Amino acid sequence: MSTVERPRTDLSQTDQADPGPVELHARNVAFDWDDVPLHWIPGHPVASNFISVLNLLLPEGERWFVQTYNEALPLVADEELASRMRGFIGQEAMHAEAHDHVLWEFLDHHGIDPRPYQLQMEWIFRRVLGPATGGSTEARHKHLVERLWLIAALEHYTAVLGDFALNNNWVEAGAHPTMADLFMWHGAEEVEHRAVAHDVAAYFGDSYLRRGRAMLVVLPILLFLVQRGYRFIMKQDTSVSYNYLQKKWQFHRGVRANVLPPLRSIVFSTFSYFRPGFRPEQIGSTAQAVAYLASSPAARNVA
């Protein structure tokens, strides 16, 4: 099994090496889940399960991204933006496929039945957030614009989490290289395309009110779904029997070890989104993301 080596650069080196705009494209990744333990970060079962929640959330969410962008793409006259959208669509489709494999080849294999949670995700992303089928053309267009701003708000958090994936201590903690590479490859692409969703939403209707309203909807729902997914996995994980305080302590241990992102910092990152003049490029480093993608075993199809 190939080990994962993360590019390490200080801020000044990263800035000097900034590649500028990059052409977005999907990477044909491959993962082998046969020998990945449920607790893939040694000594951190709570951290392992908490990060694994993303495998429950992401497939349906990213299929929704793809569906919404395919709906919006024919309405975009700016060819440069349309090209970036096509790259975004390709990357998000590959993310959905990769995490879908994790559901059945990893979680289900380890006795975590993802079906009940997946049915809930299908209801949210296909029914509640699906395209409007009735009403006037104007009403359907407005509904599309609102969904594009919801995606922009969600992509703010995926960029923050992507930056964490590239700058945590999974490798140092002995995390299984396949799972580490999955999230680091995914996180690097989230950093790489972090400005696309914001620019698409602004193209269709640049409005500080719409931007703020979408964020105020997304943050509490995202926190709720993550916590619900975490409880869902922990309830089915019969190998651990922590009480509430023990779970809190184990989570704190994970944050201190830098194998879990502090939820407080993720919530506080919301304030930057509301700052006038905010640009998604202020999150993370394109140079670091591109460097990791050039070395990722999965992205090179050698995992």
C-alpha atoms as a PDB file:
ATOM      1  CA  MET A   1       0.000   0.000   0.000  1.00  0.00           C
ATOM      2  CA  SER A   2       1.413   3.379  -0.939  1.00  0.00           C
ATOM      3  CA  THR A   3       2.008   5.835   1.838  1.00  0.00           C
ATOM      4  CA  VAL A   4       0.734   9.380   1.654  1.00  0.00           C
ATOM      5  CA  GLU A   5       3.217  12.224   1.686  1.00  0.00           C
ATOM      6  CA  ARG A   6       1.759  15.667   2.111  1.00  0.00           C
ATOM      7  CA  PRO A   7       3.578  18.618   0.592  1.00  0.00           C
ATOM      8  CA  ARG A   8       4.854  20.854   3.376  1.00  0.00           C
ATOM      9  CA  THR A   9       5.359  24.520   2.582  1.00  0.00           C
ATOM     10  CA  ASP A  10       5.397  27.639   4.686  1.00  0.00           C
ATOM     11  CA  LEU A  11       3.154  30.541   3.747  1.00  0.00           C
ATOM     12  CA  SER A  12       5.787  32.576   1.925  1.00  0.00           C
ATOM     13  CA  GLN A  13       6.863  29.592  -0.180  1.00  0.00           C
ATOM     14  CA  THR A  14       3.243  28.808  -1.020  1.00  0.00           C
ATOM     15  CA  ASP A  15       2.574  32.377  -2.100  1.00  0.00           C
ATOM     16  CA  GLN A  16       5.693  32.449  -4.300  1.00  0.00           C
ATOM     17  CA  ALA A  17       4.728  29.152  -5.901  1.00  0.00           C
ATOM     18  CA  ASP A  18       1.102  30.166  -6.579  1.00  0.00           C
ATOM     19  CA  PRO A  19       0.331  28.691 -10.026  1.00  0.00           C
ATOM     20  CA  GLY A  20      -2.430  31.209 -10.690  1.00  0.00           C
ATOM     21  CA  PRO A  21      -5.620  30.044 -12.434  1.00  0.00           C
ATOM     22  CA  VAL A  22      -5.677  26.305 -13.060  1.00  0.00           C
ATOM     23  CA  GLU A  23      -7.778  24.347 -15.513  1.00  0.00           C
ATOM     24  CA  LEU A  24     -10.266  22.251 -13.568  1.00  0.00           C
ATOM     25  CA  HIS A  25     -10.673  18.634 -14.569  1.00  0.00           C
ATOM     26  CA  ALA A  26     -11.868  15.408 -12.993  1.00  0.00           C
ATOM     27  CA  ARG A  27      -9.203  12.912 -11.945  1.00  0.00           C
ATOM     28  CA  ASN A  28      -9.819   9.219 -12.412  1.00  0.00           C
ATOM     29  CA  VAL A  29      -9.194   7.981  -8.864  1.00  0.00           C
ATOM     30  CA  ALA A  30      -9.025   4.418  -7.578  1.00  0.00           C
ATOM     31  CA  PHE A  31      -9.177   3.152  -3.979  1.00  0.00           C
ATOM     32  CA  ASP A  32      -8.920  -0.291  -2.428  1.00  0.00           C
ATOM     33  CA  TRP A  33     -10.962  -0.583   0.798  1.00  0.00           C
ATOM     34  CA  ASP A  34     -10.204  -4.214   1.620  1.00  0.00           C
ATOM     35  CA  ASP A  35      -7.806  -3.644   4.528  1.00  0.00           C
ATOM     36  CA  VAL A  36      -9.012  -0.285   5.888  1.00  0.00           C
ATOM     37  CA  PRO A  37     -10.157  -0.596   9.538  1.00  0.00           C
ATOM     38  CA  LEU A  38     -13.273   1.195  10.744  1.00  0.00           C
ATOM     39  CA  HIS A  39     -11.109   3.214  13.144  1.00  0.00           C
ATOM     40  CA  TRP A  40      -8.671   4.295  10.469  1.00  0.00           C
ATOM     41  CA  ILE A  41      -6.864   6.802  12.725  1.00  0.00           C
ATOM     42  CA  PRO A  42      -5.101   4.591  15.310  1.00  0.00           C
ATOM     43  CA  GLY A  43      -6.132   5.368  18.880  1.00  0.00           C
ATOM     44  CA  HIS A  44      -8.865   7.773  17.739  1.00  0.00           C
ATOM     45  CA  PRO A  45     -12.130   5.855  17.223  1.00  0.00           C
ATOM     46  CA  VAL A  46     -14.285   8.950  17.749  1.00  0.00           C
ATOM     47  CA  ALA A  47     -12.235  11.044  15.327  1.00  0.00           C
ATOM     48  CA  SER A  48     -12.305   8.222  12.770  1.00  0.00           C
ATOM     49  CA  ASN A  49     -16.079   7.883  12.994  1.00  0.00           C
ATOM     50  CA  PHE A  50     -16.665  11.627  12.984  1.00  0.00           C
ATOM     51  CA  ILE A  51     -14.679  12.127   9.762  1.00  0.00           C
ATOM     52  CA  SER A  52     -16.358   9.058   8.251  1.00  0.00           C
ATOM     53  CA  VAL A  53     -19.713  10.851   8.606  1.00  0.00           C
ATOM     54  CA  LEU A  54     -18.737  12.792   5.485  1.00  0.00           C
ATOM     55  CA  ASN A  55     -19.040   9.561   3.524  1.00  0.00           C
ATOM     56  CA  LEU A  56     -22.727   9.513   4.471  1.00  0.00           C
ATOM     57  CA  LEU A  57     -23.342  13.149   3.547  1.00  0.00           C
ATOM     58  CA  LEU A  58     -21.326  13.625   0.408  1.00  0.00           C
ATOM     59  CA  PRO A  59     -22.672  11.269  -2.296  1.00  0.00           C
ATOM     60  CA  GLU A  60     -26.207  12.703  -2.436  1.00  0.00           C
ATOM     61  CA  GLY A  61     -25.054  16.261  -1.781  1.00  0.00           C
ATOM     62  CA  GLU A  62     -22.562  16.228  -4.601  1.00  0.00           C
ATOM     63  CA  ARG A  63     -24.972  14.591  -7.007  1.00  0.00           C
ATOM     64  CA  TRP A  64     -27.269  17.519  -6.193  1.00  0.00           C
ATOM     65  CA  PHE A  65     -24.415  19.930  -7.039  1.00  0.00           C
ATOM     66  CA  VAL A  66     -23.986  18.219 -10.396  1.00  0.00           C
ATOM     67  CA  GLN A  67     -27.716  18.210 -11.175  1.00  0.00           C
ATOM     68  CA  THR A  68     -28.093  21.896 -10.296  1.00  0.00           C
ATOM     69  CA  TYR A  69     -25.063  22.943 -12.347  1.00  0.00           C
ATOM     70  CA  ASN A  70     -26.236  20.933 -15.340  1.00  0.00           C
ATOM     71  CA  GLU A  71     -29.500  22.851 -15.062  1.00  0.00           C
ATOM     72  CA  ALA A  72     -27.676  26.182 -14.893  1.00  0.00           C
ATOM     73  CA  LEU A  73     -24.953  25.564 -17.486  1.00  0.00           C
ATOM     74  CA  PRO A  74     -27.052  26.176 -20.644  1.00  0.00           C
ATOM     75  CA  LEU A  75     -27.943  29.622 -19.267  1.00  0.00           C
ATOM     76  CA  VAL A  76     -24.310  30.767 -18.948  1.00  0.00           C
ATOM     77  CA  ALA A  77     -23.032  32.885 -21.842  1.00  0.00           C
ATOM     78  CA  ASP A  78     -19.576  33.467 -20.325  1.00  0.00           C
ATOM     79  CA  GLU A  79     -17.469  30.682 -21.884  1.00  0.00           C
ATOM     80  CA  GLU A  80     -14.672  30.980 -19.308  1.00  0.00           C
ATOM     81  CA  LEU A  81     -17.142  30.527 -16.448  1.00  0.00           C
ATOM     82  CA  ALA A  82     -18.904  27.725 -18.333  1.00  0.00           C
ATOM     83  CA  SER A  83     -15.571  25.929 -18.722  1.00  0.00           C
ATOM     84  CA  ARG A  84     -14.911  26.195 -14.990  1.00  0.00           C
ATOM     85  CA  MET A  85     -18.429  24.898 -14.322  1.00  0.00           C
ATOM     86  CA  ARG A  86     -17.787  21.853 -16.510  1.00  0.00           C
ATOM     87  CA  GLY A  87     -14.592  21.164 -14.573  1.00  0.00           C
ATOM     88  CA  PHE A  88     -16.472  21.583 -11.291  1.00  0.00           C
ATOM     89  CA  ILE A  89     -19.203  19.196 -12.471  1.00  0.00           C
ATOM     90  CA  GLY A  90     -16.634  16.568 -13.411  1.00  0.00           C
ATOM     91  CA  GLN A  91     -14.835  16.808 -10.082  1.00  0.00           C
ATOM     92  CA  GLU A  92     -18.011  16.713  -8.003  1.00  0.00           C
ATOM     93  CA  ALA A  93     -19.336  13.726  -9.961  1.00  0.00           C
ATOM     94  CA  MET A  94     -16.110  11.859  -9.208  1.00  0.00           C
ATOM     95  CA  HIS A  95     -16.352  12.829  -5.523  1.00  0.00           C
ATOM     96  CA  ALA A  96     -19.875  11.409  -5.347  1.00  0.00           C
ATOM     97  CA  GLU A  97     -18.788   8.174  -7.004  1.00  0.00           C
ATOM     98  CA  ALA A  98     -15.732   7.741  -4.757  1.00  0.00           C
ATOM     99  CA  HIS A  99     -17.657   8.285  -1.529  1.00  0.00           C
ATOM    100  CA  ASP A 100     -20.490   6.077  -2.750  1.00  0.00           C
ATOM    101  CA  HIS A 101     -18.001   3.212  -2.941  1.00  0.00           C
ATOM    102  CA  VAL A 102     -16.981   3.939   0.665  1.00  0.00           C
ATOM    103  CA  LEU A 103     -20.581   3.465   1.819  1.00  0.00           C
ATOM    104  CA  TRP A 104     -20.786  -0.100   0.559  1.00  0.00           C
ATOM    105  CA  GLU A 105     -17.166  -1.284   0.499  1.00  0.00           C
ATOM    106  CA  PHE A 106     -16.145   0.254   3.829  1.00  0.00           C
ATOM    107  CA  LEU A 107     -19.006   1.296   6.139  1.00  0.00           C
ATOM    108  CA  ASP A 108     -21.412  -1.488   5.203  1.00  0.00           C
ATOM    109  CA  HIS A 109     -18.543  -3.983   5.310  1.00  0.00           C
ATOM    110  CA  HIS A 110     -17.798  -2.949   8.912  1.00  0.00           C
ATOM    111  CA  GLY A 111     -21.417  -3.342  10.051  1.00  0.00           C
ATOM    112  CA  ILE A 112     -22.492   0.310   9.679  1.00  0.00           C
ATOM    113  CA  ASP A 113     -25.666   0.124   7.578  1.00  0.00           C
ATOM    114  CA  PRO A 114     -25.826   3.399   5.616  1.00  0.00           C
ATOM    115  CA  ARG A 115     -29.260   2.763   4.088  1.00  0.00           C
ATOM    116  CA  PRO A 116     -31.503   4.593   6.604  1.00  0.00           C
ATOM    117  CA  TYR A 117     -29.307   7.690   6.577  1.00  0.00           C
ATOM    118  CA  GLN A 118     -28.984   7.595   2.797  1.00  0.00           C
ATOM    119  CA  LEU A 119     -32.757   7.546   2.402  1.00  0.00           C
ATOM    120  CA  GLN A 120     -32.924  10.739   4.465  1.00  0.00           C
ATOM    121  CA  MET A 121     -30.220  12.354   2.308  1.00  0.00           C
ATOM    122  CA  GLU A 122     -32.107  11.368  -0.835  1.00  0.00           C
ATOM    123  CA  TRP A 123     -35.259  13.005   0.517  1.00  0.00           C
ATOM    124  CA  ILE A 124     -33.412  16.245   1.334  1.00  0.00           C
ATOM    125  CA  PHE A 125     -31.395  16.604  -1.865  1.00  0.00           C
ATOM    126  CA  ARG A 126     -33.825  15.097  -4.383  1.00  0.00           C
ATOM    127  CA  ARG A 127     -37.190  16.178  -2.999  1.00  0.00           C
ATOM    128  CA  VAL A 128     -36.651  19.256  -0.825  1.00  0.00           C
ATOM    129  CA  LEU A 129     -33.775  20.784  -2.806  1.00  0.00           C
ATOM    130  CA  GLY A 130     -34.557  19.354  -6.230  1.00  0.00           C
ATOM    131  CA  PRO A 131     -35.427  21.540  -9.222  1.00  0.00           C
ATOM    132  CA  ALA A 132     -38.774  23.317  -9.231  1.00  0.00           C
ATOM    133  CA  THR A 133     -41.181  21.611 -11.587  1.00  0.00           C
ATOM    134  CA  GLY A 134     -44.160  23.936 -11.315  1.00  0.00           C
ATOM    135  CA  GLY A 135     -44.826  27.644 -11.416  1.00  0.00           C
ATOM    136  CA  SER A 136     -43.789  30.255 -13.930  1.00  0.00           C
ATOM    137  CA  THR A 137     -40.466  30.411 -15.760  1.00  0.00           C
ATOM    138  CA  GLU A 138     -39.516  33.351 -13.552  1.00  0.00           C
ATOM    139  CA  ALA A 139     -40.307  31.404 -10.378  1.00  0.00           C
ATOM    140  CA  ARG A 140     -38.266  28.393 -11.529  1.00  0.00           C
ATOM    141  CA  HIS A 141     -35.340  30.662 -12.369  1.00  0.00           C
ATOM    142  CA  LYS A 142     -35.520  32.292  -8.939  1.00  0.00           C
ATOM    143  CA  HIS A 143     -35.549  28.849  -7.347  1.00  0.00           C
ATOM    144  CA  LEU A 144     -32.428  27.929  -9.347  1.00  0.00           C
ATOM    145  CA  VAL A 145     -30.621  31.072  -8.182  1.00  0.00           C
ATOM    146  CA  GLU A 146     -31.462  30.329  -4.553  1.00  0.00           C
ATOM    147  CA  ARG A 147     -30.070  26.795  -4.937  1.00  0.00           C
ATOM    148  CA  LEU A 148     -26.887  28.163  -6.515  1.00  0.00           C
ATOM    149  CA  TRP A 149     -26.341  30.392  -3.481  1.00  0.00           C
ATOM    150  CA  LEU A 150     -26.946  27.423  -1.160  1.00  0.00           C
ATOM    151  CA  ILE A 151     -24.219  25.557  -3.044  1.00  0.00           C
ATOM    152  CA  ALA A 152     -21.916  28.567  -2.736  1.00  0.00           C
ATOM    153  CA  ALA A 153     -22.478  28.587   1.023  1.00  0.00           C
ATOM    154  CA  LEU A 154     -21.805  24.849   1.274  1.00  0.00           C
ATOM    155  CA  GLU A 155     -18.683  25.198  -0.842  1.00  0.00           C
ATOM    156  CA  HIS A 156     -17.374  27.746   1.673  1.00  0.00           C
ATOM    157  CA  TYR A 157     -17.304  24.980   4.270  1.00  0.00           C
ATOM    158  CA  THR A 158     -15.939  22.338   1.895  1.00  0.00           C
ATOM    159  CA  ALA A 159     -13.044  24.722   1.154  1.00  0.00           C
ATOM    160  CA  VAL A 160     -12.414  25.211   4.895  1.00  0.00           C
ATOM    161  CA  LEU A 161     -12.512  21.438   5.433  1.00  0.00           C
ATOM    162  CA  GLY A 162     -10.354  20.896   2.355  1.00  0.00           C
ATOM    163  CA  ASP A 163      -7.711  23.194   3.793  1.00  0.00           C
ATOM    164  CA  PHE A 164      -7.869  21.221   7.050  1.00  0.00           C
ATOM    165  CA  ALA A 165      -7.450  17.945   5.143  1.00  0.00           C
ATOM    166  CA  LEU A 166      -4.210  19.245   3.654  1.00  0.00           C
ATOM    167  CA  ASN A 167      -2.850  20.570   6.942  1.00  0.00           C
ATOM    168  CA  ASN A 168      -3.768  18.072   9.650  1.00  0.00           C
ATOM    169  CA  ASN A 169      -1.797  15.319  11.406  1.00  0.00           C
ATOM    170  CA  TRP A 170      -3.454  12.216   9.952  1.00  0.00           C
ATOM    171  CA  VAL A 171      -0.228  10.997   8.380  1.00  0.00           C
ATOM    172  CA  GLU A 172       1.785  11.672  11.545  1.00  0.00           C
ATOM    173  CA  ALA A 173      -0.863   9.852  13.614  1.00  0.00           C
ATOM    174  CA  GLY A 174      -0.528   6.748  11.437  1.00  0.00           C
ATOM    175  CA  ALA A 175      -3.888   7.054   9.670  1.00  0.00           C
ATOM    176  CA  HIS A 176      -4.568   4.408   7.057  1.00  0.00           C
ATOM    177  CA  PRO A 177      -3.142   5.803   3.816  1.00  0.00           C
ATOM    178  CA  THR A 178      -6.184   4.934   1.686  1.00  0.00           C
ATOM    179  CA  MET A 179      -8.681   6.868   3.809  1.00  0.00           C
ATOM    180  CA  ALA A 180      -6.234   9.719   4.340  1.00  0.00           C
ATOM    181  CA  ASP A 181      -5.680   9.962   0.593  1.00  0.00           C
ATOM    182  CA  LEU A 182      -9.425   9.898  -0.109  1.00  0.00           C
ATOM    183  CA  PHE A 183     -10.049  12.959   2.024  1.00  0.00           C
ATOM    184  CA  MET A 184      -6.817  14.736   1.066  1.00  0.00           C
ATOM    185  CA  TRP A 185      -7.472  14.239  -2.666  1.00  0.00           C
ATOM    186  CA  HIS A 186     -11.061  15.414  -2.205  1.00  0.00           C
ATOM    187  CA  GLY A 187      -9.982  18.315   0.012  1.00  0.00           C
ATOM    188  CA  ALA A 188      -7.334  19.415  -2.467  1.00  0.00           C
ATOM    189  CA  GLU A 189      -9.899  19.559  -5.271  1.00  0.00           C
ATOM    190  CA  GLU A 190     -12.261  21.535  -3.018  1.00  0.00           C
ATOM    191  CA  VAL A 191      -9.485  24.085  -2.494  1.00  0.00           C
ATOM    192  CA  GLU A 192      -8.652  24.009  -6.207  1.00  0.00           C
ATOM    193  CA  HIS A 193     -12.217  24.878  -7.290  1.00  0.00           C
ATOM    194  CA  ARG A 194     -13.224  26.890  -4.199  1.00  0.00           C
ATOM    195  CA  ALA A 195     -14.174  30.047  -6.121  1.00  0.00           C
ATOM    196  CA  VAL A 196     -16.385  28.446  -8.762  1.00  0.00           C
ATOM    197  CA  ALA A 197     -19.639  28.174  -6.791  1.00  0.00           C
ATOM    198  CA  HIS A 198     -19.373  31.749  -5.520  1.00  0.00           C
ATOM    199  CA  ASP A 199     -18.701  33.088  -9.028  1.00  0.00           C
ATOM    200  CA  VAL A 200     -21.570  31.088 -10.559  1.00  0.00           C
ATOM    201  CA  ALA A 201     -24.063  32.276  -7.943  1.00  0.00           C
ATOM    202  CA  ALA A 202     -22.888  35.875  -8.398  1.00  0.00           C
ATOM    203  CA  TYR A 203     -23.246  35.534 -12.186  1.00  0.00           C
ATOM    204  CA  PHE A 204     -26.898  34.575 -11.785  1.00  0.00           C
ATOM    205  CA  GLY A 205     -27.731  37.162  -9.121  1.00  0.00           C
ATOM    206  CA  ASP A 206     -25.049  38.930  -7.086  1.00  0.00           C
ATOM    207  CA  SER A 207     -26.787  39.917  -3.875  1.00  0.00           C
ATOM    208  CA  TYR A 208     -25.407  40.289  -0.369  1.00  0.00           C
ATOM    209  CA  LEU A 209     -28.876  39.479   0.952  1.00  0.00           C
ATOM    210  CA  ARG A 210     -29.057  36.230  -1.014  1.00  0.00           C
ATOM    211  CA  ARG A 211     -25.538  35.296   0.058  1.00  0.00           C
ATOM    212  CA  GLY A 212     -26.264  35.930   3.724  1.00  0.00           C
ATOM    213  CA  ARG A 213     -29.658  34.238   3.667  1.00  0.00           C
ATOM    214  CA  ALA A 214     -28.172  31.105   2.099  1.00  0.00           C
ATOM    215  CA  MET A 215     -25.445  30.927   4.728  1.00  0.00           C
ATOM    216  CA  LEU A 216     -27.908  31.331   7.584  1.00  0.00           C
ATOM    217  CA  VAL A 217     -29.852  28.373   6.171  1.00  0.00           C
ATOM    218  CA  VAL A 218     -26.830  26.172   5.427  1.00  0.00           C
ATOM    219  CA  LEU A 219     -24.848  26.422   8.683  1.00  0.00           C
ATOM    220  CA  PRO A 220     -27.458  25.078  11.147  1.00  0.00           C
ATOM    221  CA  ILE A 221     -28.611  22.363   8.730  1.00  0.00           C
ATOM    222  CA  LEU A 222     -25.034  21.254   8.058  1.00  0.00           C
ATOM    223  CA  LEU A 223     -24.213  21.085  11.778  1.00  0.00           C
ATOM    224  CA  PHE A 224     -27.418  19.139  12.414  1.00  0.00           C
ATOM    225  CA  LEU A 225     -26.723  16.599   9.658  1.00  0.00           C
ATOM    226  CA  VAL A 226     -23.117  16.070  10.759  1.00  0.00           C
ATOM    227  CA  GLN A 227     -24.127  15.535  14.390  1.00  0.00           C
ATOM    228  CA  ARG A 228     -26.961  13.237  13.320  1.00  0.00           C
ATOM    229  CA  GLY A 229     -24.603  11.218  11.147  1.00  0.00           C
ATOM    230  CA  TYR A 230     -22.055  10.995  13.962  1.00  0.00           C
ATOM    231  CA  ARG A 231     -24.677   9.632  16.365  1.00  0.00           C
ATOM    232  CA  PHE A 232     -25.843   7.251  13.620  1.00  0.00           C
ATOM    233  CA  ILE A 233     -22.374   5.732  13.207  1.00  0.00           C
ATOM    234  CA  MET A 234     -21.511   5.665  16.912  1.00  0.00           C
ATOM    235  CA  LYS A 235     -24.775   3.866  17.702  1.00  0.00           C
ATOM    236  CA  GLN A 236     -23.925   1.106  15.219  1.00  0.00           C
ATOM    237  CA  ASP A 237     -20.240   0.881  16.163  1.00  0.00           C
ATOM    238  CA  THR A 238     -20.383  -1.929  18.727  1.00  0.00           C
ATOM    239  CA  SER A 239     -16.606  -1.923  19.226  1.00  0.00           C
ATOM    240  CA  VAL A 240     -16.766   1.182  21.441  1.00  0.00           C
ATOM    241  CA  SER A 241     -19.052   1.922  24.389  1.00  0.00           C
ATOM    242  CA  TYR A 242     -18.268   5.467  25.438  1.00  0.00           C
ATOM    243  CA  ASN A 243     -20.722   7.491  27.498  1.00  0.00           C
ATOM    244  CA  TYR A 244     -21.475  11.114  26.641  1.00  0.00           C
ATOM    245  CA  LEU A 245     -18.557  12.597  28.591  1.00  0.00           C
ATOM    246  CA  GLN A 246     -16.126  10.038  27.217  1.00  0.00           C
ATOM    247  CA  LYS A 247     -17.198  10.872  23.669  1.00  0.00           C
ATOM    248  CA  LYS A 248     -16.698  14.579  24.376  1.00  0.00           C
ATOM    249  CA  TRP A 249     -13.239  13.880  25.777  1.00  0.00           C
ATOM    250  CA  GLN A 250     -12.279  11.694  22.816  1.00  0.00           C
ATOM    251  CA  PHE A 251     -13.441  14.417  20.435  1.00  0.00           C
ATOM    252  CA  HIS A 252     -11.336  16.954  22.365  1.00  0.00           C
ATOM    253  CA  ARG A 253      -8.357  14.588  22.100  1.00  0.00           C
ATOM    254  CA  GLY A 254      -8.824  14.454  18.341  1.00  0.00           C
ATOM    255  CA  VAL A 255      -8.891  18.231  18.046  1.00  0.00           C
ATOM    256  CA  ARG A 256      -5.782  18.588  20.201  1.00  0.00           C
ATOM    257  CA  ALA A 257      -3.994  15.986  18.079  1.00  0.00           C
ATOM    258  CA  ASN A 258      -5.030  17.885  14.926  1.00  0.00           C
ATOM    259  CA  VAL A 259      -6.810  14.871  13.467  1.00  0.00           C
ATOM    260  CA  LEU A 260     -10.204  16.571  13.845  1.00  0.00           C
ATOM    261  CA  PRO A 261     -11.099  20.130  12.856  1.00  0.00           C
ATOM    262  CA  PRO A 262     -12.294  22.267  15.768  1.00  0.00           C
ATOM    263  CA  LEU A 263     -15.987  22.906  15.151  1.00  0.00           C
ATOM    264  CA  ARG A 264     -15.620  26.348  16.682  1.00  0.00           C
ATOM    265  CA  SER A 265     -13.178  27.415  13.973  1.00  0.00           C
ATOM    266  CA  ILE A 266     -15.487  26.109  11.254  1.00  0.00           C
ATOM    267  CA  VAL A 267     -18.407  28.066  12.683  1.00  0.00           C
ATOM    268  CA  PHE A 268     -16.238  31.187  13.098  1.00  0.00           C
ATOM    269  CA  SER A 269     -15.138  30.903   9.459  1.00  0.00           C
ATOM    270  CA  THR A 270     -18.703  31.953   8.645  1.00  0.00           C
ATOM    271  CA  PHE A 271     -17.862  35.521   9.680  1.00  0.00           C
ATOM    272  CA  SER A 272     -15.301  35.831   6.881  1.00  0.00           C
ATOM    273  CA  TYR A 273     -18.015  34.902   4.398  1.00  0.00           C
ATOM    274  CA  PHE A 274     -20.054  37.936   5.466  1.00  0.00           C
ATOM    275  CA  ARG A 275     -17.105  40.318   5.220  1.00  0.00           C
ATOM    276  CA  PRO A 276     -17.429  42.871   2.385  1.00  0.00           C
ATOM    277  CA  GLY A 277     -14.904  42.057  -0.303  1.00  0.00           C
ATOM    278  CA  PHE A 278     -14.681  38.398   0.685  1.00  0.00           C
ATOM    279  CA  ARG A 279     -13.267  36.093  -1.971  1.00  0.00           C
ATOM    280  CA  PRO A 280     -13.091  32.287  -1.668  1.00  0.00           C
ATOM    281  CA  GLU A 281      -9.439  32.379  -2.760  1.00  0.00           C
ATOM    282  CA  GLN A 282      -8.664  33.730   0.719  1.00  0.00           C
ATOM    283  CA  ILE A 283      -9.164  30.160   2.004  1.00  0.00           C
ATOM    284  CA  GLY A 284      -6.345  27.687   1.538  1.00  0.00           C
ATOM    285  CA  SER A 285      -3.600  27.581  -1.066  1.00  0.00           C
ATOM    286  CA  THR A 286      -3.992  26.622  -4.709  1.00  0.00           C
ATOM    287  CA  ALA A 287      -0.277  25.802  -4.864  1.00  0.00           C
ATOM    288  CA  GLN A 288      -0.554  23.360  -1.962  1.00  0.00           C
ATOM    289  CA  ALA A 289      -3.660  21.750  -3.439  1.00  0.00           C
ATOM    290  CA  VAL A 290      -2.083  21.305  -6.866  1.00  0.00           C
ATOM    291  CA  ALA A 291       1.100  19.930  -5.302  1.00  0.00           C
ATOM    292  CA  TYR A 292      -0.864  17.312  -3.373  1.00  0.00           C
ATOM    293  CA  LEU A 293      -2.929  16.330  -6.394  1.00  0.00           C
ATOM    294  CA  ALA A 294       0.290  15.739  -8.337  1.00  0.00           C
ATOM    295  CA  SER A 295       1.465  13.290  -5.659  1.00  0.00           C
ATOM    296  CA  SER A 296      -1.800  11.670  -4.544  1.00  0.00           C
ATOM    297  CA  PRO A 297      -1.708   7.887  -5.079  1.00  0.00           C
ATOM    298  CA  ALA A 298      -5.409   7.866  -5.980  1.00  0.00           C
ATOM    299  CA  ALA A 299      -5.177  10.803  -8.385  1.00  0.00           C
ATOM    300  CA  ARG A 300      -2.223   9.107 -10.070  1.00  0.00           C
ATOM    301  CA  ASN A 301      -4.324   5.922 -10.113  1.00  0.00           C
ATOM    302  CA  VAL A 302      -1.663   3.962  -8.235  1.00  0.00           C
ATOM    303  CA  ALA A 303      -3.475   3.484  -4.918  1.00  0.00           C
END
